[in-house]
Protein backbone atom coordinates (compact mmCIF):
# COMPACT_ATOMS: atom_id res chain seq x y z
CA MET A 1 96.60 119.46 87.54
CA ILE A 2 93.60 117.66 86.16
CA PRO A 3 90.34 119.03 87.58
CA LEU A 4 88.04 116.77 89.63
CA SER A 5 85.29 117.02 86.99
CA HIS A 6 87.33 115.07 84.42
CA PHE A 7 87.76 112.19 86.84
CA LEU A 8 83.99 112.18 87.60
CA ILE A 9 83.11 112.24 83.88
CA VAL A 10 85.33 109.22 83.14
CA SER A 11 83.93 107.48 86.25
CA ALA A 12 80.35 108.18 85.13
CA ALA A 13 81.13 106.87 81.64
CA LEU A 14 82.62 103.62 83.11
CA PHE A 15 79.66 103.10 85.34
CA CYS A 16 77.20 103.64 82.49
CA ILE A 17 79.07 101.11 80.26
CA GLY A 18 79.00 98.58 83.18
CA LEU A 19 75.29 99.20 83.78
CA TYR A 20 74.59 98.69 80.13
CA ALA A 21 76.50 95.49 80.15
CA VAL A 22 74.60 94.19 83.24
CA LEU A 23 71.21 95.06 81.91
CA THR A 24 71.50 93.83 78.29
CA LYS A 25 73.92 90.83 78.21
CA ARG A 26 72.75 87.25 78.28
CA ASN A 27 76.12 85.79 79.25
CA VAL A 28 77.03 85.58 82.89
CA ILE A 29 80.72 86.35 82.22
CA LEU A 30 79.78 89.58 80.45
CA VAL A 31 77.49 90.45 83.37
CA LEU A 32 80.43 89.93 85.71
CA LEU A 33 82.55 92.12 83.49
CA GLY A 34 79.87 94.85 83.72
CA ILE A 35 79.85 94.61 87.47
CA GLU A 36 83.70 94.95 87.45
CA PHE A 37 83.34 98.12 85.28
CA MET A 38 80.94 99.58 87.86
CA LEU A 39 83.28 98.72 90.75
CA ASN A 40 86.15 100.31 88.89
CA ALA A 41 84.16 103.44 88.43
CA ALA A 42 83.52 103.61 92.15
CA ILE A 43 87.21 103.08 92.84
CA LEU A 44 88.09 105.86 90.44
CA ASN A 45 85.71 108.18 92.34
CA LEU A 46 87.40 107.20 95.64
CA LEU A 47 90.83 107.90 94.21
CA ALA A 48 89.69 111.19 92.70
CA PHE A 49 88.24 112.45 95.91
CA GLY A 50 91.21 111.12 97.93
CA ARG A 51 93.58 113.15 95.75
CA TYR A 52 92.05 116.30 97.16
CA ASP A 53 92.29 114.97 100.78
CA ARG A 54 96.02 115.04 101.34
CA VAL A 55 95.87 114.80 105.10
CA ASN A 56 94.06 111.55 105.89
CA MET A 57 94.39 109.69 102.56
CA ALA A 58 90.96 108.12 103.18
CA GLY A 59 90.16 107.72 99.51
CA GLN A 60 93.21 105.68 98.74
CA SER A 61 92.78 103.39 101.75
CA PHE A 62 89.10 102.76 100.87
CA ALA A 63 90.15 102.14 97.23
CA ILE A 64 92.66 99.35 98.26
CA PHE A 65 89.95 97.77 100.43
CA ALA A 66 87.49 97.97 97.48
CA ILE A 67 89.97 96.38 95.11
CA ALA A 68 90.62 93.50 97.48
CA LEU A 69 86.87 93.01 98.02
CA ALA A 70 86.20 92.99 94.30
CA ALA A 71 88.89 90.39 93.72
CA ALA A 72 87.36 88.13 96.30
CA ALA A 73 83.84 88.60 94.96
CA LEU A 74 85.01 87.81 91.45
CA ALA A 75 86.73 84.64 92.54
CA VAL A 76 83.52 83.44 94.30
CA ALA A 77 81.35 84.46 91.37
CA LEU A 78 83.52 82.53 88.88
CA ALA A 79 83.36 79.50 91.07
CA ILE A 80 79.60 79.66 91.12
CA VAL A 81 79.50 80.17 87.29
CA LEU A 82 81.68 77.08 86.80
CA ASN A 83 79.44 74.99 88.97
CA VAL A 84 76.29 76.18 87.22
CA TYR A 85 77.81 75.44 83.89
CA LYS A 86 78.77 71.93 85.07
CA HIS A 87 75.14 71.26 86.07
CA TYR A 88 73.13 73.11 83.37
CA LYS A 89 75.62 73.16 80.42
CA THR A 90 74.80 76.86 79.83
CA ILE A 91 75.77 80.22 81.25
CA ASP A 92 72.72 82.05 79.88
CA PRO A 93 70.92 83.41 83.03
CA GLY A 94 67.54 83.26 81.24
CA LYS A 95 67.78 79.53 80.81
CA ILE A 96 68.52 78.76 84.39
CA ASP A 97 65.16 78.70 85.99
CA GLN A 98 65.47 76.46 88.97
CA LEU A 99 68.02 76.08 91.73
CA ARG A 100 67.36 72.38 92.55
CA ASP A 101 66.29 69.36 90.53
């Protein structure tokens, strides 16, 4: 059986990769990818802790809810990115400095 610490180390690495992508990238799509990495790290933590709670299965049920929530958030974010690109012709967050013309 794999110990809990291995799951947590992999989850921390995924979260750090996602945080690095969010803080350093100048492309909105890559920022969204970094956010998805961080969400996947949180889901991995839920599943790892849920593996040790065999009675209630709370970790697995929260993980399913988090996956559905992440999919909905990504769909909304991509729709916003497409509308911003249509208006500004760029997806660089640094070049978008106003919300209305």
